[in-house]
C-alpha atoms as a PDB file:
ATOM      1  CA  MET A   1      -8.052 -20.257   1.369  1.00  0.00           C
ATOM      2  CA  PHE A   2      -5.274 -19.245   3.834  1.00  0.00           C
ATOM      3  CA  TRP A   3      -1.578 -18.299   4.014  1.00  0.00           C
ATOM      4  CA  GLN A   4       0.227 -20.216   6.374  1.00  0.00           C
ATOM      5  CA  THR A   5       2.937 -18.172   8.291  1.00  0.00           C
ATOM      6  CA  THR A   6       5.000 -18.486  11.416  1.00  0.00           C
ATOM      7  CA  ARG A   7       2.350 -17.833  13.795  1.00  0.00           C
ATOM      8  CA  PHE A   8      -0.747 -17.123  11.731  1.00  0.00           C
ATOM      9  CA  GLN A   9      -2.821 -18.791   9.223  1.00  0.00           C
ATOM     10  CA  ILE A  10      -3.881 -15.563   7.303  1.00  0.00           C
ATOM     11  CA  ASP A  11      -7.366 -15.681   5.827  1.00  0.00           C
ATOM     12  CA  LEU A  12      -7.344 -14.788   2.268  1.00  0.00           C
ATOM     13  CA  THR A  13     -11.024 -15.098   1.477  1.00  0.00           C
ATOM     14  CA  ARG A  14     -10.953 -11.356   1.942  1.00  0.00           C
ATOM     15  CA  PRO A  15      -8.236  -9.053   0.532  1.00  0.00           C
ATOM     16  CA  GLN A  16      -5.576  -8.441   3.128  1.00  0.00           C
ATOM     17  CA  VAL A  17      -3.968  -4.891   3.694  1.00  0.00           C
ATOM     18  CA  MET A  18      -0.005  -5.209   4.029  1.00  0.00           C
ATOM     19  CA  GLY A  19       1.236  -1.753   5.694  1.00  0.00           C
ATOM     20  CA  ILE A  20       4.755  -0.602   4.564  1.00  0.00           C
ATOM     21  CA  VAL A  21       7.231   0.291   7.363  1.00  0.00           C
ATOM     22  CA  ASN A  22      10.432   1.679   5.580  1.00  0.00           C
ATOM     23  CA  VAL A  23      13.298   1.847   8.249  1.00  0.00           C
ATOM     24  CA  THR A  24      15.360   3.568   5.544  1.00  0.00           C
ATOM     25  CA  PRO A  25      16.578   7.101   4.814  1.00  0.00           C
ATOM     26  CA  ASP A  26      16.172   6.660   0.815  1.00  0.00           C
ATOM     27  CA  SER A  27      13.034   4.878   0.050  1.00  0.00           C
ATOM     28  CA  PHE A  28      11.430   6.521  -3.107  1.00  0.00           C
ATOM     29  CA  SER A  29       8.296   7.736  -1.138  1.00  0.00           C
ATOM     30  CA  ASP A  30       8.844   8.063   2.586  1.00  0.00           C
ATOM     31  CA  GLY A  31      12.612   7.524   3.091  1.00  0.00           C
ATOM     32  CA  GLY A  32      13.685   9.066   6.330  1.00  0.00           C
ATOM     33  CA  HIS A  33      10.279   9.444   7.840  1.00  0.00           C
ATOM     34  CA  HIS A  34      10.549   6.211   9.894  1.00  0.00           C
ATOM     35  CA  GLY A  35      14.342   5.945  10.116  1.00  0.00           C
ATOM     36  CA  THR A  36      14.860   5.291  13.660  1.00  0.00           C
ATOM     37  CA  THR A  37      13.635   2.287  15.743  1.00  0.00           C
ATOM     38  CA  ALA A  38      11.298   4.483  17.775  1.00  0.00           C
ATOM     39  CA  ALA A  39       9.736   6.243  14.796  1.00  0.00           C
ATOM     40  CA  ALA A  40       9.508   2.932  12.857  1.00  0.00           C
ATOM     41  CA  LEU A  41       7.556   1.490  15.899  1.00  0.00           C
ATOM     42  CA  ARG A  42       5.159   4.305  16.146  1.00  0.00           C
ATOM     43  CA  HIS A  43       4.366   3.929  12.531  1.00  0.00           C
ATOM     44  CA  CYS A  44       3.695   0.339  13.017  1.00  0.00           C
ATOM     45  CA  GLU A  45       1.208   1.187  15.781  1.00  0.00           C
ATOM     46  CA  GLN A  46      -0.433   3.902  13.637  1.00  0.00           C
ATOM     47  CA  LEU A  47      -0.829   1.362  10.702  1.00  0.00           C
ATOM     48  CA  ILE A  48      -2.252  -1.193  13.044  1.00  0.00           C
ATOM     49  CA  ARG A  49      -4.985   1.500  14.336  1.00  0.00           C
ATOM     50  CA  GLU A  50      -5.641   2.246  10.718  1.00  0.00           C
ATOM     51  CA  GLY A  51      -6.630  -1.411   9.904  1.00  0.00           C
ATOM     52  CA  ALA A  52      -3.476  -2.934   8.740  1.00  0.00           C
ATOM     53  CA  ASP A  53      -3.650  -6.787   8.483  1.00  0.00           C
ATOM     54  CA  ILE A  54      -0.020  -7.342   8.024  1.00  0.00           C
ATOM     55  CA  LEU A  55       3.106  -4.972   8.581  1.00  0.00           C
ATOM     56  CA  ASP A  56       5.888  -5.258   6.072  1.00  0.00           C
ATOM     57  CA  ILE A  57       9.180  -4.062   7.734  1.00  0.00           C
ATOM     58  CA  GLY A  58      12.244  -3.249   5.348  1.00  0.00           C
ATOM     59  CA  GLY A  59      15.611  -1.843   5.975  1.00  0.00           C
ATOM     60  CA  GLU A  60      16.961  -1.293   2.327  1.00  0.00           C
ATOM     61  CA  SER A  61      15.476   0.614  -0.476  1.00  0.00           C
ATOM     62  CA  THR A  62      14.996  -1.175  -3.631  1.00  0.00           C
ATOM     63  CA  ARG A  63      13.948   1.743  -5.699  1.00  0.00           C
ATOM     64  CA  PRO A  64      15.226   2.184  -9.103  1.00  0.00           C
ATOM     65  CA  GLY A  65      18.862   3.220  -9.011  1.00  0.00           C
ATOM     66  CA  SER A  66      19.198   2.401  -5.409  1.00  0.00           C
ATOM     67  CA  ALA A  67      22.677   0.921  -4.315  1.00  0.00           C
ATOM     68  CA  PRO A  68      23.008  -2.179  -2.297  1.00  0.00           C
ATOM     69  CA  LEU A  69      23.295  -1.901   1.658  1.00  0.00           C
ATOM     70  CA  SER A  70      25.698  -3.743   3.522  1.00  0.00           C
ATOM     71  CA  LEU A  71      24.555  -6.710   5.736  1.00  0.00           C
ATOM     72  CA  GLN A  72      25.598  -5.192   8.942  1.00  0.00           C
ATOM     73  CA  ASP A  73      23.843  -1.701   8.239  1.00  0.00           C
ATOM     74  CA  GLU A  74      20.466  -3.719   7.182  1.00  0.00           C
ATOM     75  CA  LEU A  75      20.653  -5.731  10.567  1.00  0.00           C
ATOM     76  CA  THR A  76      21.133  -2.679  12.282  1.00  0.00           C
ATOM     77  CA  ARG A  77      18.122  -1.046  10.903  1.00  0.00           C
ATOM     78  CA  VAL A  78      15.747  -3.995  11.021  1.00  0.00           C
ATOM     79  CA  ILE A  79      16.535  -6.084  13.995  1.00  0.00           C
ATOM     80  CA  PRO A  80      15.527  -3.806  16.786  1.00  0.00           C
ATOM     81  CA  VAL A  81      11.983  -3.032  15.059  1.00  0.00           C
ATOM     82  CA  VAL A  82      11.320  -6.587  14.302  1.00  0.00           C
ATOM     83  CA  LYS A  83      12.188  -7.620  17.961  1.00  0.00           C
ATOM     84  CA  GLU A  84       9.574  -5.115  19.344  1.00  0.00           C
ATOM     85  CA  ALA A  85       7.005  -5.401  16.524  1.00  0.00           C
ATOM     86  CA  ALA A  86       6.834  -9.119  16.900  1.00  0.00           C
ATOM     87  CA  GLN A  87       4.856  -8.332  20.187  1.00  0.00           C
ATOM     88  CA  PHE A  88       1.908  -6.388  18.599  1.00  0.00           C
ATOM     89  CA  GLY A  89       0.093  -9.542  17.784  1.00  0.00           C
ATOM     90  CA  ILE A  90      -0.214  -9.069  14.005  1.00  0.00           C
ATOM     91  CA  PRO A  91       1.322 -10.847  11.105  1.00  0.00           C
ATOM     92  CA  LEU A  92       4.889  -9.396  10.686  1.00  0.00           C
ATOM     93  CA  SER A  93       6.577  -9.611   7.068  1.00  0.00           C
ATOM     94  CA  VAL A  94      10.291  -8.490   6.609  1.00  0.00           C
ATOM     95  CA  ASP A  95      11.235  -7.233   3.090  1.00  0.00           C
ATOM     96  CA  THR A  96      14.643  -8.515   2.429  1.00  0.00           C
ATOM     97  CA  TYR A  97      16.696 -10.616  -0.082  1.00  0.00           C
ATOM     98  CA  LYS A  98      19.658 -11.337   2.243  1.00  0.00           C
ATOM     99  CA  PRO A  99      19.646 -14.803   3.602  1.00  0.00           C
ATOM    100  CA  GLN A 100      21.566 -13.637   7.053  1.00  0.00           C
ATOM    101  CA  VAL A 101      18.805 -11.050   7.511  1.00  0.00           C
ATOM    102  CA  MET A 102      15.973 -13.764   6.754  1.00  0.00           C
ATOM    103  CA  GLN A 103      17.462 -16.031   9.288  1.00  0.00           C
ATOM    104  CA  ALA A 104      17.933 -13.547  12.051  1.00  0.00           C
ATOM    105  CA  VAL A 105      14.254 -12.165  11.720  1.00  0.00           C
ATOM    106  CA  LEU A 106      12.769 -15.557  11.530  1.00  0.00           C
ATOM    107  CA  ASP A 107      14.620 -16.327  14.781  1.00  0.00           C
ATOM    108  CA  LEU A 108      12.936 -13.306  16.317  1.00  0.00           C
ATOM    109  CA  GLY A 109       9.529 -14.717  15.275  1.00  0.00           C
ATOM    110  CA  ALA A 110       8.901 -12.959  11.987  1.00  0.00           C
ATOM    111  CA  ASP A 111       6.016 -14.597  10.042  1.00  0.00           C
ATOM    112  CA  ILE A 112       6.753 -13.751   6.476  1.00  0.00           C
ATOM    113  CA  ILE A 113       9.795 -13.196   4.150  1.00  0.00           C
ATOM    114  CA  ASN A 114       9.044 -10.906   1.447  1.00  0.00           C
ATOM    115  CA  ASP A 115      11.881 -11.020  -1.161  1.00  0.00           C
ATOM    116  CA  VAL A 116      12.195  -8.931  -4.262  1.00  0.00           C
ATOM    117  CA  TRP A 117      14.756 -11.371  -5.645  1.00  0.00           C
ATOM    118  CA  ALA A 118      12.556 -14.472  -5.185  1.00  0.00           C
ATOM    119  CA  LEU A 119      15.131 -16.167  -2.995  1.00  0.00           C
ATOM    120  CA  ARG A 120      17.784 -15.879  -5.932  1.00  0.00           C
ATOM    121  CA  TRP A 121      20.425 -13.721  -4.328  1.00  0.00           C
ATOM    122  CA  ARG A 122      23.777 -14.989  -3.296  1.00  0.00           C
ATOM    123  CA  ASP A 123      26.444 -13.289  -1.473  1.00  0.00           C
ATOM    124  CA  SER A 124      29.818 -12.937  -3.083  1.00  0.00           C
ATOM    125  CA  ARG A 125      31.228 -15.921  -1.306  1.00  0.00           C
ATOM    126  CA  GLY A 126      28.154 -18.226  -1.810  1.00  0.00           C
ATOM    127  CA  LEU A 127      28.077 -18.947   1.891  1.00  0.00           C
ATOM    128  CA  ALA A 128      24.346 -18.129   2.359  1.00  0.00           C
ATOM    129  CA  ASP A 129      21.319 -19.500   0.395  1.00  0.00           C
ATOM    130  CA  ALA A 130      17.964 -17.794   0.845  1.00  0.00           C
ATOM    131  CA  SER A 131      15.904 -20.762  -0.491  1.00  0.00           C
ATOM    132  CA  HIS A 132      17.409 -23.043   2.223  1.00  0.00           C
ATOM    133  CA  VAL A 133      16.733 -20.555   4.899  1.00  0.00           C
ATOM    134  CA  VAL A 134      13.032 -20.443   4.112  1.00  0.00           C
ATOM    135  CA  ALA A 135      12.857 -24.229   3.445  1.00  0.00           C
ATOM    136  CA  SER A 136      14.594 -24.977   6.540  1.00  0.00           C
ATOM    137  CA  HIS A 137      11.944 -23.106   8.603  1.00  0.00           C
ATOM    138  CA  PRO A 138       8.952 -25.278   9.472  1.00  0.00           C
ATOM    139  CA  SER A 139       6.129 -22.843   8.731  1.00  0.00           C
ATOM    140  CA  CYS A 140       7.033 -19.248   7.665  1.00  0.00           C
ATOM    141  CA  GLY A 141       5.238 -17.692   4.856  1.00  0.00           C
ATOM    142  CA  VAL A 142       7.158 -16.295   1.718  1.00  0.00           C
ATOM    143  CA  CYS A 143       6.425 -13.975  -1.041  1.00  0.00           C
ATOM    144  CA  LEU A 144       8.415 -14.543  -4.353  1.00  0.00           C
ATOM    145  CA  MET A 145       8.671 -11.295  -6.489  1.00  0.00           C
ATOM    146  CA  HIS A 146       9.437 -10.977 -10.155  1.00  0.00           C
ATOM    147  CA  MET A 147      12.270  -8.539 -10.725  1.00  0.00           C
ATOM    148  CA  HIS A 148      14.136  -7.771 -14.170  1.00  0.00           C
ATOM    149  CA  LEU A 149      17.861  -7.326 -13.635  1.00  0.00           C
ATOM    150  CA  GLU A 150      18.572  -5.587 -10.262  1.00  0.00           C
ATOM    151  CA  PRO A 151      17.595  -2.041  -8.779  1.00  0.00           C
ATOM    152  CA  GLN A 152      20.481  -0.167 -10.324  1.00  0.00           C
ATOM    153  CA  THR A 153      19.600  -1.312 -13.934  1.00  0.00           C
ATOM    154  CA  MET A 154      16.061  -2.419 -13.923  1.00  0.00           C
ATOM    155  CA  GLN A 155      14.542   0.891 -15.394  1.00  0.00           C
ATOM    156  CA  VAL A 156      17.520   1.772 -17.417  1.00  0.00           C
ATOM    157  CA  GLN A 157      17.043  -1.478 -19.464  1.00  0.00           C
ATOM    158  CA  PRO A 158      13.302  -2.420 -18.867  1.00  0.00           C
ATOM    159  CA  MET A 159      11.701  -5.582 -20.280  1.00  0.00           C
ATOM    160  CA  GLN A 160      10.643  -5.709 -23.935  1.00  0.00           C
ATOM    161  CA  GLY A 161       7.317  -6.783 -25.476  1.00  0.00           C
ATOM    162  CA  ASP A 162       4.570  -8.683 -23.597  1.00  0.00           C
ATOM    163  CA  VAL A 163       5.883  -9.363 -20.189  1.00  0.00           C
ATOM    164  CA  LEU A 164       3.128 -11.417 -18.723  1.00  0.00           C
ATOM    165  CA  PRO A 165       4.198 -14.797 -20.194  1.00  0.00           C
ATOM    166  CA  HIS A 166       7.867 -14.304 -18.904  1.00  0.00           C
ATOM    167  CA  VAL A 167       6.526 -13.149 -15.341  1.00  0.00           C
ATOM    168  CA  LEU A 168       4.094 -15.883 -15.235  1.00  0.00           C
ATOM    169  CA  LEU A 169       6.742 -18.549 -16.020  1.00  0.00           C
ATOM    170  CA  PHE A 170       9.282 -17.242 -13.774  1.00  0.00           C
ATOM    171  CA  LEU A 171       7.022 -16.949 -10.769  1.00  0.00           C
ATOM    172  CA  LYS A 172       5.646 -20.500 -11.438  1.00  0.00           C
ATOM    173  CA  HIS A 173       9.159 -21.995 -11.628  1.00  0.00           C
ATOM    174  CA  SER A 174      10.449 -20.257  -8.528  1.00  0.00           C
ATOM    175  CA  ALA A 175       7.456 -21.442  -6.574  1.00  0.00           C
ATOM    176  CA  GLN A 176       7.739 -24.938  -7.767  1.00  0.00           C
ATOM    177  CA  ALA A 177      11.498 -25.053  -6.985  1.00  0.00           C
ATOM    178  CA  LEU A 178      10.749 -23.888  -3.489  1.00  0.00           C
ATOM    179  CA  GLN A 179       8.040 -26.665  -3.092  1.00  0.00           C
ATOM    180  CA  GLY A 180      10.737 -29.115  -4.276  1.00  0.00           C
ATOM    181  CA  LEU A 181      12.728 -28.034  -1.089  1.00  0.00           C
ATOM    182  CA  GLY A 182       9.768 -29.140   0.893  1.00  0.00           C
ATOM    183  CA  VAL A 183       7.908 -25.855   1.443  1.00  0.00           C
ATOM    184  CA  GLU A 184       4.198 -26.285   1.523  1.00  0.00           C
ATOM    185  CA  LYS A 185       2.342 -24.535  -1.273  1.00  0.00           C
ATOM    186  CA  THR A 186       0.099 -22.908   1.437  1.00  0.00           C
ATOM    187  CA  ARG A 187       3.099 -20.789   2.525  1.00  0.00           C
ATOM    188  CA  ILE A 188       3.816 -19.228  -0.954  1.00  0.00           C
ATOM    189  CA  LEU A 189       2.510 -16.232  -2.382  1.00  0.00           C
ATOM    190  CA  LEU A 190       3.801 -14.553  -5.599  1.00  0.00           C
ATOM    191  CA  ASP A 191       4.063 -10.816  -6.819  1.00  0.00           C
ATOM    192  CA  PRO A 192       4.398  -9.723 -10.268  1.00  0.00           C
ATOM    193  CA  GLY A 193       6.794  -6.807  -9.490  1.00  0.00           C
ATOM    194  CA  ILE A 194       4.951  -3.688 -10.507  1.00  0.00           C
ATOM    195  CA  GLY A 195       7.702  -1.158 -11.449  1.00  0.00           C
ATOM    196  CA  PHE A 196      10.614  -3.678 -11.050  1.00  0.00           C
ATOM    197  CA  GLY A 197      12.087  -3.477 -14.687  1.00  0.00           C
ATOM    198  CA  LYS A 198       8.748  -2.870 -16.543  1.00  0.00           C
ATOM    199  CA  THR A 199       7.567   0.102 -18.518  1.00  0.00           C
ATOM    200  CA  VAL A 200       4.305   1.966 -17.786  1.00  0.00           C
ATOM    201  CA  ALA A 201       2.354   0.100 -20.365  1.00  0.00           C
ATOM    202  CA  GLN A 202       3.653  -3.233 -19.303  1.00  0.00           C
ATOM    203  CA  ASN A 203       2.759  -2.401 -15.632  1.00  0.00           C
ATOM    204  CA  LEU A 204      -0.672  -1.635 -16.975  1.00  0.00           C
ATOM    205  CA  SER A 205      -0.715  -4.816 -18.904  1.00  0.00           C
ATOM    206  CA  LEU A 206       0.077  -6.922 -15.715  1.00  0.00           C
ATOM    207  CA  LEU A 207      -2.779  -5.069 -14.093  1.00  0.00           C
ATOM    208  CA  ALA A 208      -5.321  -5.617 -16.742  1.00  0.00           C
ATOM    209  CA  ARG A 209      -4.474  -9.367 -17.106  1.00  0.00           C
ATOM    210  CA  GLN A 210      -3.578  -9.966 -13.532  1.00  0.00           C
ATOM    211  CA  SER A 211      -6.205 -12.877 -13.298  1.00  0.00           C
ATOM    212  CA  GLU A 212      -3.998 -14.555 -15.808  1.00  0.00           C
ATOM    213  CA  LEU A 213      -1.263 -14.755 -13.220  1.00  0.00           C
ATOM    214  CA  LEU A 214      -3.531 -16.814 -11.162  1.00  0.00           C
ATOM    215  CA  ALA A 215      -3.047 -19.730 -13.651  1.00  0.00           C
ATOM    216  CA  ALA A 216       0.108 -20.370 -11.675  1.00  0.00           C
ATOM    217  CA  GLY A 217      -1.953 -21.800  -8.859  1.00  0.00           C
ATOM    218  CA  TYR A 218      -0.911 -19.442  -6.139  1.00  0.00           C
ATOM    219  CA  PRO A 219      -2.344 -16.349  -4.516  1.00  0.00           C
ATOM    220  CA  LEU A 220      -1.074 -12.836  -5.365  1.00  0.00           C
ATOM    221  CA  LEU A 221       0.561 -10.024  -3.459  1.00  0.00           C
ATOM    222  CA  VAL A 222       0.473  -6.783  -5.508  1.00  0.00           C
ATOM    223  CA  GLY A 223       2.079  -3.422  -4.807  1.00  0.00           C
ATOM    224  CA  TRP A 224       1.017  -0.285  -6.815  1.00  0.00           C
ATOM    225  CA  SER A 225       1.253   1.999  -3.885  1.00  0.00           C
ATOM    226  CA  ARG A 226       2.702   5.485  -5.011  1.00  0.00           C
ATOM    227  CA  LYS A 227       4.535   3.896  -7.916  1.00  0.00           C
ATOM    228  CA  SER A 228       5.889   6.282 -10.580  1.00  0.00           C
ATOM    229  CA  SER A 229       3.734   4.390 -13.307  1.00  0.00           C
ATOM    230  CA  LEU A 230       0.710   6.016 -11.505  1.00  0.00           C
ATOM    231  CA  SER A 231       2.323   9.454 -11.952  1.00  0.00           C
ATOM    232  CA  GLY A 232       2.979   8.664 -15.833  1.00  0.00           C
ATOM    233  CA  MET A 233      -0.695   7.688 -16.181  1.00  0.00           C
ATOM    234  CA  THR A 234      -2.284  10.710 -14.241  1.00  0.00           C
ATOM    235  CA  ALA A 235      -0.018  13.776 -14.708  1.00  0.00           C
ATOM    236  CA  HIS A 236       0.565  15.738 -17.821  1.00  0.00           C
ATOM    237  CA  ALA A 237       3.594  13.918 -18.799  1.00  0.00           C
ATOM    238  CA  ASP A 238       3.838  15.561 -22.213  1.00  0.00           C
ATOM    239  CA  GLN A 239       4.102  18.920 -20.459  1.00  0.00           C
ATOM    240  CA  GLY A 240       6.773  17.804 -18.235  1.00  0.00           C
ATOM    241  CA  GLU A 241       4.508  17.416 -15.146  1.00  0.00           C
ATOM    242  CA  THR A 242       4.808  14.530 -12.697  1.00  0.00           C
ATOM    243  CA  LEU A 243       3.056  13.651  -9.551  1.00  0.00           C
ATOM    244  CA  ALA A 244       5.325  13.566  -6.279  1.00  0.00           C
ATOM    245  CA  PRO A 245       4.987  10.067  -4.443  1.00  0.00           C
ATOM    246  CA  GLN A 246       2.902  11.783  -1.748  1.00  0.00           C
ATOM    247  CA  ASP A 247       0.396  13.132  -4.411  1.00  0.00           C
ATOM    248  CA  ARG A 248      -0.325   9.667  -5.676  1.00  0.00           C
ATOM    249  CA  LEU A 249      -3.074   8.504  -3.057  1.00  0.00           C
ATOM    250  CA  ALA A 250      -5.996   8.685  -5.657  1.00  0.00           C
ATOM    251  CA  PRO A 251      -4.372   6.653  -8.410  1.00  0.00           C
ATOM    252  CA  SER A 252      -3.046   4.260  -5.787  1.00  0.00           C
ATOM    253  CA  LEU A 253      -6.476   3.446  -4.487  1.00  0.00           C
ATOM    254  CA  ALA A 254      -7.718   3.054  -7.997  1.00  0.00           C
ATOM    255  CA  ALA A 255      -5.106   0.421  -8.713  1.00  0.00           C
ATOM    256  CA  ALA A 256      -5.687  -1.283  -5.469  1.00  0.00           C
ATOM    257  CA  VAL A 257      -9.344  -1.587  -6.268  1.00  0.00           C
ATOM    258  CA  VAL A 258      -8.727  -2.993  -9.684  1.00  0.00           C
ATOM    259  CA  ALA A 259      -6.078  -5.371  -8.387  1.00  0.00           C
ATOM    260  CA  VAL A 260      -8.524  -6.897  -5.891  1.00  0.00           C
ATOM    261  CA  GLN A 261     -11.209  -7.073  -8.450  1.00  0.00           C
ATOM    262  CA  GLN A 262      -8.850  -8.909 -10.599  1.00  0.00           C
ATOM    263  CA  GLY A 263      -7.984 -11.511  -7.863  1.00  0.00           C
ATOM    264  CA  ALA A 264      -5.280 -10.315  -5.582  1.00  0.00           C
ATOM    265  CA  SER A 265      -5.127 -11.671  -2.128  1.00  0.00           C
ATOM    266  CA  VAL A 266      -2.816  -9.117  -0.584  1.00  0.00           C
ATOM    267  CA  ILE A 267      -2.406  -5.395  -1.166  1.00  0.00           C
ATOM    268  CA  ARG A 268       0.848  -3.751  -0.129  1.00  0.00           C
ATOM    269  CA  VAL A 269       0.307  -0.134   0.594  1.00  0.00           C
ATOM    270  CA  HIS A 270       1.673   3.100   2.138  1.00  0.00           C
ATOM    271  CA  ASP A 271      -1.807   4.595   2.806  1.00  0.00           C
ATOM    272  CA  VAL A 272      -3.474   1.970   4.961  1.00  0.00           C
ATOM    273  CA  LYS A 273      -6.386   3.856   6.372  1.00  0.00           C
ATOM    274  CA  GLN A 274      -7.658   4.970   2.949  1.00  0.00           C
ATOM    275  CA  THR A 275      -7.010   1.554   1.344  1.00  0.00           C
ATOM    276  CA  VAL A 276      -8.948  -0.100   3.991  1.00  0.00           C
ATOM    277  CA  GLN A 277     -11.891   2.216   3.506  1.00  0.00           C
ATOM    278  CA  VAL A 278     -12.169   1.835  -0.278  1.00  0.00           C
ATOM    279  CA  LEU A 279     -11.835  -2.021   0.054  1.00  0.00           C
ATOM    280  CA  LYS A 280     -14.904  -1.696   2.633  1.00  0.00           C
ATOM    281  CA  VAL A 281     -16.865  -0.014   0.025  1.00  0.00           C
ATOM    282  CA  LEU A 282     -15.937  -2.376  -2.643  1.00  0.00           C
ATOM    283  CA  ASP A 283     -17.024  -5.099  -0.398  1.00  0.00           C
ATOM    284  CA  ALA A 284     -20.134  -3.534   0.409  1.00  0.00           C
ATOM    285  CA  ILE A 285     -21.098  -3.128  -3.062  1.00  0.00           C
ATOM    286  CA  THR A 286     -20.195  -6.676  -4.068  1.00  0.00           C
ATOM    287  CA  SER A 287     -22.176  -8.077  -1.197  1.00  0.00           C
ATOM    288  CA  VAL A 288     -25.275  -6.212  -2.466  1.00  0.00           C
ATOM    289  CA  GLN A 289     -24.815  -7.377  -6.104  1.00  0.00           C
ATOM    290  CA  LEU A 290     -24.563 -11.086  -4.726  1.00  0.00           C
ATOM    291  CA  THR A 291     -27.641 -10.477  -2.676  1.00  0.00           C
ATOM    292  CA  GLN A 292     -29.610  -9.222  -5.553  1.00  0.00           C
ATOM    293  CA  ILE A 293     -28.573 -12.174  -7.747  1.00  0.00           C
ATOM    294  CA  ASP A 294     -29.494 -14.704  -4.929  1.00  0.00           C
ATOM    295  CA  SER A 295     -32.870 -13.102  -4.486  1.00  0.00           C
ATOM    296  CA  THR A 296     -33.880 -12.862  -8.125  1.00  0.00           C
ATOM    297  CA  GLY A 297     -32.412 -16.245  -9.292  1.00  0.00           C
ATOM    298  CA  PRO A 298     -30.787 -16.935 -12.474  1.00  0.00           C
ATOM    299  CA  ILE A 299     -31.689 -14.848 -15.564  1.00  0.00           C
ATOM    300  CA  PRO A 300     -34.036 -16.911 -17.900  1.00  0.00           C
ATOM    301  CA  SER A 301     -32.220 -17.859 -21.048  1.00  0.00           C
END
């Protein structure tokens, strides 16, 4: 199984680690840390050294409550980084929902469009269509994510009840619609959108039942890294305690391991080095288990 992208066929027979590069002043976890082109490129190089399989560059925060960013500001942040990072010899994803940004980064050689709006966003004049930007490209990869409402309201009015059937149906229809425009299935990954308009309990349900999302027939990209739901599970919330984003490494790693065990193909993370390490341990344990099964043969009935 592979993910077809602009320059690379990404091997999905082992979990891929996607390193986050936020070229923003206001992202929930590391806003302002890599806000200049030079700082963002240094971070790209560090993540590659730490073992990232894919880089995901974003110029606009989509944290709960975030305000939209102008097209020109996003282009100013993202284009110089993409232009240089495209030379690093590693698959390059761009986290954007604006069709004009998609077209600009694809023209520079970006490999993947990672869209929290699942290609649904339209500008106020209706002059740009994200689906057609992706469909008109011969081979770029795309990740379609489920988001309830939009960043300013999604956690004010989160979803109700069992969200998995709705998320599954939305993602399946979004992918099929894109295929209807001529995009090959091998170019498409799906993301259930952890934290995007869901409660802590709903996010946990999506993780516990993540394998059910594979019924849509597409590989999954999952992003639990440093999400606030992890703080809600691990801190003493009843005592008013919360974990700051930078203190959520251990729960992020736990969620990453479970996500992979539940069938995720790509894990989107801030902490690449530690995620690569835990996935190597998981792979080693799994390999030993499979070897033991092969050597002992099937258990007699």
